């Protein structure tokens, strides 16, 4: 990789870096047809697309029992790793649970908020070229912590389903599991079929076909967000270990040839060493072809910044899915950044820790969406309602404000809905006074 100076970046290069997209437009037409057919034809269409795209004749779409068997059959070391990761993810997400509350606000105004889980959600767990047991934990566990009644998982079919993924789905606590992937899985979850339970919300990562399908069903079914290929941006100063930085870039690059991997260094020598380490270490990786394609991408690179302020401004504009800060003043740098999916502080906090086991969620916004939203969380599986109760005195104290604003908006009946109560209250009070006389 060649080091570029941030100051020398032209408009085209900046657009490539800061205006990334999930690449779904190229498949939107095909995806729309898939989703529509699943909506109309149900299991028949799902099975047809499983044969067409996965080259598998699926028998029973529901494979919930297979996940339990897989959990019992995998080796003990793998099972312990799954349970350790699951425990950490569960512990972190339990801290996110909001509490219902009601309080008095001034005279006669009781206001509050309450939270209730969705009844049915769908979690997509990718398959295909790689297995993603970690995505099962990240999608299912927050929903179960939120107390969602039925959590359905869809994962692509195969002649031999990955047993570790199936075991992780079971350990996470999924209630129903279906052997279906791609756009057809999202359509089946969103609209339901003879075999697949319709859900209220679909979450989880996937390829551009899955992402395009989530965009297609949005409106009929809630989604988390439209996520693209994996991203990492590392901020490094002169104290950073270039080998550590290079290892983080390579780790994310092996996800996908369209992954975006960036390092920004405030020290020229560190920047040059990072670039050299990346090139040298890529040759030792099993997925070297995928890694080099990602490193050559328009949204990837090693950049030299003239100051940490310039580096921070770059990171804020990039709004990375994963932001690693490997610098002496990491906390003060963090305080100056608002837009990042998940932040990793210090040299001994690799992004891989968050991918698998630290406890934070790895389902995160990409393509700059971190400017607008955060990653998957317990709150995404909850509905919030506000609650209020007014006493007669409380309503009376608001009556002039309500009357004035309602009539300013031309809603006379709104104003009258307050006035009628106050008139009745006054009449009742007058009646009680006459009774005492």
Protein backbone atom coordinates (compact mmCIF):
# COMPACT_ATOMS: atom_id res chain seq x y z
CA UNK A 1 0.00 0.00 0.00
CA UNK A 2 1.23 3.51 -0.75
CA UNK A 3 0.94 6.25 1.85
CA UNK A 4 -1.05 9.29 0.79
CA UNK A 5 -1.22 12.66 2.47
CA UNK A 6 -4.70 13.73 3.58
CA UNK A 7 -3.88 17.25 2.47
CA UNK A 8 -3.23 16.03 -1.10
CA UNK A 9 -6.48 14.08 -1.56
CA UNK A 10 -8.53 15.33 -4.51
CA UNK A 11 -12.33 15.49 -4.79
CA UNK A 12 -12.70 12.10 -6.52
CA UNK A 13 -10.61 10.31 -3.90
CA UNK A 14 -12.51 11.98 -1.09
CA UNK A 15 -15.84 10.93 -2.62
CA UNK A 16 -14.66 7.33 -2.80
CA UNK A 17 -13.64 7.45 0.85
CA UNK A 18 -16.54 9.36 2.35
CA UNK A 19 -19.48 8.41 0.10
CA UNK A 20 -19.34 4.62 0.35
CA UNK A 21 -22.46 2.56 -0.34
CA UNK A 22 -23.63 -1.01 0.15
CA UNK A 23 -23.64 -1.72 -3.60
CA UNK A 24 -27.26 -2.81 -3.64
CA UNK A 25 -28.56 -0.85 -6.63
CA UNK A 26 -27.10 -3.34 -9.09
CA UNK A 27 -29.27 -6.14 -7.68
CA UNK A 28 -32.41 -4.24 -6.64
CA UNK A 29 -34.50 -5.34 -9.66
CA UNK A 30 -33.64 -9.03 -9.22
CA UNK A 31 -34.18 -8.82 -5.48
CA UNK A 32 -37.57 -7.18 -5.91
CA UNK A 33 -38.68 -10.12 -8.07
CA UNK A 34 -37.43 -12.64 -5.52
CA UNK A 35 -39.18 -10.92 -2.62
CA UNK A 36 -42.44 -10.53 -4.55
CA UNK A 37 -42.48 -14.19 -5.54
CA UNK A 38 -41.81 -15.32 -1.96
CA UNK A 39 -44.60 -13.03 -0.80
CA UNK A 40 -47.02 -14.49 -3.34
CA UNK A 41 -45.93 -18.15 -3.56
CA UNK A 42 -44.49 -18.90 -0.13
CA UNK A 43 -42.55 -22.14 0.36
CA UNK A 44 -42.68 -23.04 -3.34
CA UNK A 45 -40.68 -19.94 -4.28
CA UNK A 46 -38.34 -20.34 -1.31
CA UNK A 47 -37.42 -23.89 -2.31
CA UNK A 48 -36.96 -22.88 -5.93
CA UNK A 49 -34.53 -20.13 -4.99
CA UNK A 50 -32.65 -22.47 -2.63
CA UNK A 51 -32.06 -24.78 -5.59
CA UNK A 52 -31.14 -21.90 -7.90
CA UNK A 53 -28.78 -19.95 -5.63
CA UNK A 54 -27.52 -22.51 -3.10
CA UNK A 55 -27.75 -25.68 -5.23
CA UNK A 56 -29.59 -27.42 -2.40
CA UNK A 57 -32.93 -29.23 -2.38
CA UNK A 58 -34.30 -28.27 1.01
CA UNK A 59 -36.68 -30.70 2.66
CA UNK A 60 -38.05 -29.25 5.88
CA UNK A 61 -37.32 -25.55 5.99
CA UNK A 62 -37.40 -25.58 9.78
CA UNK A 63 -34.25 -27.06 11.30
CA UNK A 64 -34.59 -26.04 14.94
CA UNK A 65 -33.90 -29.58 16.19
CA UNK A 66 -30.66 -29.70 14.16
CA UNK A 67 -29.25 -26.78 16.16
CA UNK A 68 -29.75 -28.62 19.44
CA UNK A 69 -28.09 -31.75 18.05
CA UNK A 70 -25.15 -29.73 16.75
CA UNK A 71 -24.66 -28.13 20.15
CA UNK A 72 -24.29 -31.57 21.71
CA UNK A 73 -21.98 -32.88 18.99
CA UNK A 74 -19.34 -30.14 18.63
CA UNK A 75 -16.10 -30.48 20.56
CA UNK A 76 -15.95 -29.23 24.12
CA UNK A 77 -13.41 -26.48 23.44
CA UNK A 78 -15.61 -24.92 20.76
CA UNK A 79 -18.71 -25.24 22.93
CA UNK A 80 -16.93 -23.51 25.82
CA UNK A 81 -15.82 -20.69 23.52
CA UNK A 82 -19.39 -20.21 22.31
CA UNK A 83 -20.71 -20.15 25.88
CA UNK A 84 -18.02 -17.70 27.04
CA UNK A 85 -18.75 -15.33 24.16
CA UNK A 86 -22.50 -15.72 24.66
CA UNK A 87 -22.17 -14.93 28.36
CA UNK A 88 -20.18 -11.77 27.67
CA UNK A 89 -22.62 -10.60 25.00
CA UNK A 90 -25.56 -11.29 27.30
CA UNK A 91 -23.98 -9.46 30.25
CA UNK A 92 -23.24 -6.35 28.18
CA UNK A 93 -26.71 -6.22 26.65
CA UNK A 94 -28.47 -6.70 29.98
CA UNK A 95 -26.95 -3.36 31.00
CA UNK A 96 -28.89 -1.77 28.13
CA UNK A 97 -32.34 -2.69 29.43
CA UNK A 98 -34.29 0.50 30.17
CA UNK A 99 -36.64 0.71 33.15
CA UNK A 100 -40.24 1.84 33.11
CA UNK A 101 -40.78 5.05 35.06
CA UNK A 102 -43.51 7.51 36.09
CA UNK A 103 -42.87 10.73 37.97
CA UNK A 104 -44.65 13.88 39.08
CA UNK A 105 -43.89 16.92 36.92
CA UNK A 106 -45.22 19.96 38.69
CA UNK A 107 -48.72 20.18 40.12
CA UNK A 108 -51.03 17.39 38.98
CA UNK A 109 -48.91 16.08 36.06
CA UNK A 110 -47.78 12.46 36.25
CA UNK A 111 -45.69 11.48 33.22
CA UNK A 112 -43.76 8.37 32.35
CA UNK A 113 -42.37 5.95 29.83
CA UNK A 114 -42.82 2.20 29.47
CA UNK A 115 -41.05 -0.41 27.32
CA UNK A 116 -42.48 -3.56 25.80
CA UNK A 117 -40.74 -6.07 23.53
CA UNK A 118 -41.75 -6.95 20.00
CA UNK A 119 -43.47 -10.33 19.82
CA UNK A 120 -41.64 -11.82 16.79
CA UNK A 121 -38.31 -10.89 15.23
CA UNK A 122 -36.10 -12.47 12.59
CA UNK A 123 -32.31 -12.70 12.72
CA UNK A 124 -30.31 -13.36 9.58
CA UNK A 125 -27.13 -15.37 10.15
CA UNK A 126 -24.91 -15.40 7.05
CA UNK A 127 -23.39 -18.57 5.59
CA UNK A 128 -21.94 -19.17 2.16
CA UNK A 129 -18.17 -18.75 1.80
CA UNK A 130 -17.61 -18.50 5.56
CA UNK A 131 -19.37 -19.51 8.75
CA UNK A 132 -20.56 -16.85 11.18
CA UNK A 133 -21.49 -18.36 14.56
CA UNK A 134 -20.65 -15.01 16.15
CA UNK A 135 -23.43 -13.32 14.15
CA UNK A 136 -25.93 -15.74 15.70
CA UNK A 137 -24.91 -14.59 19.18
CA UNK A 138 -24.95 -10.91 18.23
CA UNK A 139 -28.42 -11.06 16.66
CA UNK A 140 -30.32 -13.47 18.88
CA UNK A 141 -29.04 -12.61 22.36
CA UNK A 142 -30.11 -8.91 22.42
CA UNK A 143 -33.59 -9.96 21.29
CA UNK A 144 -33.83 -12.57 24.04
CA UNK A 145 -32.54 -10.06 26.62
CA UNK A 146 -35.31 -7.74 25.46
CA UNK A 147 -37.74 -10.62 26.16
CA UNK A 148 -38.93 -11.06 22.57
CA UNK A 149 -41.32 -14.02 22.66
CA UNK A 150 -40.29 -15.67 19.37
CA UNK A 151 -36.86 -15.18 17.81
CA UNK A 152 -36.56 -16.75 14.38
CA UNK A 153 -33.24 -17.35 12.64
CA UNK A 154 -32.68 -17.82 8.91
CA UNK A 155 -29.34 -19.17 7.71
CA UNK A 156 -28.40 -20.37 4.22
CA UNK A 157 -28.87 -24.07 3.36
CA UNK A 158 -26.01 -26.37 2.46
CA UNK A 159 -25.43 -30.06 1.90
CA UNK A 160 -23.71 -29.99 5.30
CA UNK A 161 -24.70 -27.08 7.49
CA UNK A 162 -21.87 -25.69 9.58
CA UNK A 163 -22.24 -27.34 13.02
CA UNK A 164 -20.55 -24.48 14.90
CA UNK A 165 -23.02 -21.95 13.47
CA UNK A 166 -25.93 -24.24 14.35
CA UNK A 167 -24.57 -24.73 17.87
CA UNK A 168 -24.20 -20.97 18.36
CA UNK A 169 -27.79 -20.42 17.21
CA UNK A 170 -28.93 -22.89 19.86
CA UNK A 171 -26.71 -21.40 22.58
CA UNK A 172 -28.04 -17.94 21.81
CA UNK A 173 -31.59 -19.14 22.49
CA UNK A 174 -33.32 -19.00 19.10
CA UNK A 175 -36.87 -20.33 19.14
CA UNK A 176 -37.25 -21.21 15.45
CA UNK A 177 -34.54 -21.83 12.85
CA UNK A 178 -34.96 -22.01 9.09
CA UNK A 179 -32.63 -23.28 6.39
CA UNK A 180 -33.01 -20.46 3.90
CA UNK A 181 -30.66 -17.67 2.89
CA UNK A 182 -30.31 -14.65 0.66
CA UNK A 183 -33.07 -12.32 -0.42
CA UNK A 184 -35.59 -15.17 -0.22
CA UNK A 185 -34.90 -15.51 3.51
CA UNK A 186 -35.64 -11.85 4.14
CA UNK A 187 -38.85 -12.08 2.09
CA UNK A 188 -39.94 -15.20 3.98
CA UNK A 189 -39.35 -13.61 7.38
CA UNK A 190 -41.01 -10.34 6.39
CA UNK A 191 -44.16 -11.83 4.89
CA UNK A 192 -44.28 -15.36 6.24
CA UNK A 193 -44.79 -18.60 4.33
CA UNK A 194 -46.41 -21.93 5.10
CA UNK A 195 -43.29 -22.89 7.08
CA UNK A 196 -41.74 -19.58 8.13
CA UNK A 197 -43.22 -17.41 10.86
CA UNK A 198 -43.85 -13.81 9.82
CA UNK A 199 -41.91 -11.37 11.98
CA UNK A 200 -42.19 -7.72 12.87
CA UNK A 201 -38.52 -6.89 12.41
CA UNK A 202 -35.52 -8.37 10.61
CA UNK A 203 -31.96 -7.75 11.79
CA UNK A 204 -28.50 -9.01 11.00
CA UNK A 205 -25.71 -8.67 8.45
CA UNK A 206 -25.60 -10.14 4.97
CA UNK A 207 -24.36 -9.69 1.43
CA UNK A 208 -25.75 -7.09 -0.96
CA UNK A 209 -28.67 -9.38 -1.91
CA UNK A 210 -29.70 -9.62 1.72
CA UNK A 211 -29.22 -5.89 2.21
CA UNK A 212 -31.24 -5.05 -0.92
CA UNK A 213 -34.02 -7.34 0.30
CA UNK A 214 -34.10 -5.54 3.65
CA UNK A 215 -34.47 -2.28 1.74
CA UNK A 216 -37.29 -3.83 -0.28
CA UNK A 217 -39.38 -5.04 2.67
CA UNK A 218 -38.81 -1.94 4.78
CA UNK A 219 -42.19 -0.38 5.34
CA UNK A 220 -43.95 -3.73 5.62
CA UNK A 221 -41.41 -5.04 8.11
CA UNK A 222 -39.04 -3.04 10.30
CA UNK A 223 -35.28 -3.56 9.84
CA UNK A 224 -32.18 -2.57 11.78
CA UNK A 225 -30.24 -0.74 9.04
CA UNK A 226 -28.71 -1.31 5.60
CA UNK A 227 -25.19 -2.54 6.26
CA UNK A 228 -22.52 -2.97 3.63
CA UNK A 229 -19.09 -4.68 3.70
CA UNK A 230 -16.93 -4.51 6.81
CA UNK A 231 -14.93 -1.35 7.62
CA UNK A 232 -12.14 -0.36 9.96
CA UNK A 233 -10.32 2.92 10.49
CA UNK A 234 -7.28 3.07 12.77
CA UNK A 235 -6.06 6.37 14.22
CA UNK A 236 -2.37 6.07 15.12
CA UNK A 237 0.21 8.44 16.56
CA UNK A 238 3.96 8.01 17.02
CA UNK A 239 3.41 5.60 19.95
CA UNK A 240 1.41 3.10 17.88
CA UNK A 241 2.83 -0.32 17.03
CA UNK A 242 2.70 -0.52 13.21
CA UNK A 243 2.46 -4.30 13.38
CA UNK A 244 -0.65 -4.10 15.56
CA UNK A 245 -2.25 -1.61 13.18
CA UNK A 246 -1.40 -3.74 10.14
CA UNK A 247 -2.91 -6.82 11.80
CA UNK A 248 -6.19 -4.98 12.38
CA UNK A 249 -6.34 -3.85 8.75
CA UNK A 250 -5.70 -7.40 7.51
CA UNK A 251 -8.28 -8.84 9.90
CA UNK A 252 -11.06 -6.74 8.43
CA UNK A 253 -9.79 -7.06 4.85
CA UNK A 254 -10.21 -10.84 4.97
CA UNK A 255 -13.97 -10.44 5.47
CA UNK A 256 -14.77 -9.36 1.93
CA UNK A 257 -13.01 -8.11 -1.17
CA UNK A 258 -15.20 -5.00 -0.87
CA UNK A 259 -14.19 -4.33 2.75
CA UNK A 260 -12.82 -0.86 3.51
CA UNK A 261 -9.63 -0.69 5.61
CA UNK A 262 -7.98 2.61 6.52
CA UNK A 263 -5.15 3.76 8.76
CA UNK A 264 -4.48 7.42 9.51
CA UNK A 265 -1.15 8.17 11.18
CA UNK A 266 0.17 11.47 12.49
CA UNK A 267 3.74 10.25 12.17
CA UNK A 268 5.15 9.75 8.64
CA UNK A 269 7.49 6.94 9.66
CA UNK A 270 4.67 5.07 11.40
CA UNK A 271 2.49 5.48 8.30
CA UNK A 272 5.19 4.10 5.99
CA UNK A 273 5.85 1.17 8.33
CA UNK A 274 2.14 0.33 8.54
CA UNK A 275 1.90 0.24 4.74
CA UNK A 276 4.98 -1.97 4.48
CA UNK A 277 3.78 -4.33 7.23
CA UNK A 278 0.40 -4.71 5.55
CA UNK A 279 1.97 -5.68 2.23
CA UNK A 280 4.37 -8.12 3.80
CA UNK A 281 1.87 -9.80 6.12
CA UNK A 282 -0.82 -10.17 3.46
CA UNK A 283 1.35 -12.79 1.78
CA UNK A 284 1.04 -15.08 4.82
CA UNK A 285 -2.74 -15.10 4.99
CA UNK A 286 -5.02 -17.92 3.83
CA UNK A 287 -7.45 -15.45 2.23
CA UNK A 288 -4.74 -13.43 0.51
CA UNK A 289 -6.77 -12.86 -2.66
CA UNK A 290 -9.70 -11.40 -0.73
CA UNK A 291 -7.36 -9.30 1.40
CA UNK A 292 -5.48 -7.78 -1.51
CA UNK A 293 -8.71 -6.95 -3.33
CA UNK A 294 -9.92 -5.08 -0.22
CA UNK A 295 -6.60 -3.28 0.20
CA UNK A 296 -6.80 -2.10 -3.41
CA UNK A 297 -10.34 -0.74 -2.95
CA UNK A 298 -11.09 2.93 -3.48
CA UNK A 299 -12.22 3.34 0.14
CA UNK A 300 -9.06 1.76 1.60
CA UNK A 301 -5.60 3.18 2.22
CA UNK A 302 -2.90 4.39 4.59
CA UNK A 303 -2.91 8.15 5.08
CA UNK A 304 -0.55 10.63 6.69
CA UNK A 305 -2.05 13.46 8.72
CA UNK A 306 -0.23 16.68 9.59
CA UNK A 307 -1.79 16.75 13.04
CA UNK A 308 -4.13 14.76 15.25
CA UNK A 309 -6.81 17.38 14.61
CA UNK A 310 -6.60 16.63 10.88
CA UNK A 311 -6.70 12.91 11.60
CA UNK A 312 -9.77 13.31 13.83
CA UNK A 313 -11.55 15.38 11.20
CA UNK A 314 -10.86 12.62 8.66
CA UNK A 315 -12.20 9.95 11.04
CA UNK A 316 -15.33 11.97 11.76
CA UNK A 317 -16.00 12.40 8.04
CA UNK A 318 -15.35 8.70 7.40
CA UNK A 319 -17.72 7.56 10.22
CA UNK A 320 -16.30 4.06 10.30
CA UNK A 321 -18.06 0.90 11.39
CA UNK A 322 -15.03 0.04 13.56
CA UNK A 323 -12.78 2.82 14.88
CA UNK A 324 -9.52 1.81 16.55
CA UNK A 325 -7.61 4.51 18.44
CA UNK A 326 -4.00 3.46 18.98
CA UNK A 327 -2.55 6.65 20.37
CA UNK A 328 -1.21 8.01 23.63
CA UNK A 329 -4.17 10.29 24.37
CA UNK A 330 -6.87 7.86 23.25
CA UNK A 331 -9.59 9.03 25.66
CA UNK A 332 -9.22 12.71 24.77
CA UNK A 333 -9.27 11.74 21.07
CA UNK A 334 -12.45 9.72 21.65
CA UNK A 335 -14.08 12.76 23.26
CA UNK A 336 -13.63 14.64 19.98
CA UNK A 337 -15.31 11.99 17.81
CA UNK A 338 -19.07 11.54 17.52
CA UNK A 339 -19.48 9.23 14.51
CA UNK A 340 -18.31 5.64 14.86
CA UNK A 341 -20.13 2.32 15.10
CA UNK A 342 -17.88 0.76 17.75
CA UNK A 343 -14.67 2.18 19.22
CA UNK A 344 -11.61 0.18 20.29
CA UNK A 345 -9.23 1.98 22.65
CA UNK A 346 -5.59 1.14 23.09
CA UNK A 347 -3.07 -1.24 21.54
CA UNK A 348 -4.45 -4.36 23.20
CA UNK A 349 -8.04 -3.99 22.01
CA UNK A 350 -8.14 -5.53 18.54
CA UNK A 351 -11.34 -5.21 16.56
CA UNK A 352 -11.50 -9.02 16.57
CA UNK A 353 -12.29 -8.84 20.32
CA UNK A 354 -15.52 -7.02 19.55
CA UNK A 355 -16.21 -9.31 16.62
CA UNK A 356 -16.32 -12.32 18.89
CA UNK A 357 -16.07 -12.10 22.61
CA UNK A 358 -15.72 -8.78 24.47
CA UNK A 359 -19.51 -8.45 24.73
CA UNK A 360 -20.29 -5.48 22.51
CA UNK A 361 -22.36 -6.05 19.39
CA UNK A 362 -20.68 -6.47 16.01
CA UNK A 363 -23.80 -5.74 13.95
CA UNK A 364 -22.89 -2.14 13.16
CA UNK A 365 -23.68 0.67 10.70
CA UNK A 366 -21.42 1.00 7.66
CA UNK A 367 -21.13 3.39 4.71
CA UNK A 368 -21.11 6.42 6.98
CA UNK A 369 -24.40 5.53 8.68
CA UNK A 370 -22.63 5.87 12.02
CA UNK A 371 -23.33 9.59 11.58
CA UNK A 372 -27.02 8.75 12.06
CA UNK A 373 -27.39 5.58 14.09
CA UNK A 374 -25.65 3.10 16.36
CA UNK A 375 -25.25 -0.66 16.23
CA UNK A 376 -27.70 -3.39 17.10
CA UNK A 377 -28.88 -3.13 20.70
CA UNK A 378 -31.59 -4.25 23.09
CA UNK A 379 -33.50 -1.02 22.46
CA UNK A 380 -34.05 -2.02 18.84
CA UNK A 381 -36.28 -4.87 20.01
CA UNK A 382 -38.40 -2.70 22.29
CA UNK A 383 -41.37 -0.40 21.79
CA UNK A 384 -41.56 2.68 23.98
CA UNK A 385 -44.85 4.24 25.07
CA UNK A 386 -45.32 7.44 27.01
CA UNK A 387 -47.84 7.53 29.86
CA UNK A 388 -49.56 10.52 31.45
CA UNK A 389 -52.18 11.32 34.05
CA UNK A 390 -53.47 14.81 34.90
CA UNK A 391 -55.37 15.79 37.98
CA UNK A 392 -58.15 18.42 37.65
CA UNK A 393 -55.70 21.01 38.96
CA UNK A 394 -53.03 19.80 36.53
CA UNK A 395 -55.37 20.15 33.56
CA UNK A 396 -56.50 23.57 34.76
CA UNK A 397 -52.88 24.74 34.94
CA UNK A 398 -52.39 23.80 31.27
CA UNK A 399 -55.77 24.94 29.96
CA UNK A 400 -54.76 28.40 28.77
CA UNK A 401 -51.70 27.02 26.94
CA UNK A 402 -53.69 24.23 25.27
CA UNK A 403 -56.57 26.55 24.32
CA UNK A 404 -54.27 29.15 22.79
CA UNK A 405 -52.21 26.69 20.75
CA UNK A 406 -55.19 24.58 19.65
CA UNK A 407 -57.09 27.61 18.36
CA UNK A 408 -53.94 28.94 16.66
CA UNK A 409 -53.84 25.66 14.73
CA UNK A 410 -57.54 25.85 13.91
CA UNK A 411 -58.54 22.90 16.08
CA UNK A 412 -61.49 24.19 18.07
CA UNK A 413 -62.53 20.69 19.18
CA UNK A 414 -59.16 20.17 20.80
CA UNK A 415 -59.68 23.27 22.90
CA UNK A 416 -63.24 22.22 23.72
CA UNK A 417 -62.07 18.77 24.93
CA UNK A 418 -60.27 20.63 27.71
CA UNK A 419 -62.94 23.22 28.36
CA UNK A 420 -65.75 20.66 28.76
CA UNK A 421 -63.86 18.91 31.52
CA UNK A 422 -63.14 22.11 33.37
CA UNK A 423 -66.76 23.31 33.08
CA UNK A 424 -67.99 19.98 34.42
CA UNK A 425 -65.48 20.12 37.22
CA UNK A 426 -66.58 23.63 38.19
CA UNK A 427 -70.26 22.59 38.08
CA UNK A 428 -69.48 19.66 40.37
CA UNK A 429 -67.63 21.95 42.74
CA UNK A 430 -70.54 24.42 42.73
CA UNK A 431 -72.99 21.60 43.43
CA UNK A 432 -70.95 20.42 46.40
CA UNK A 433 -70.77 23.97 47.78
CA UNK A 434 -74.55 24.38 47.53
CA UNK A 435 -74.99 21.05 49.28
CA UNK A 436 -72.98 22.28 52.25
CA UNK A 437 -75.14 25.39 52.52
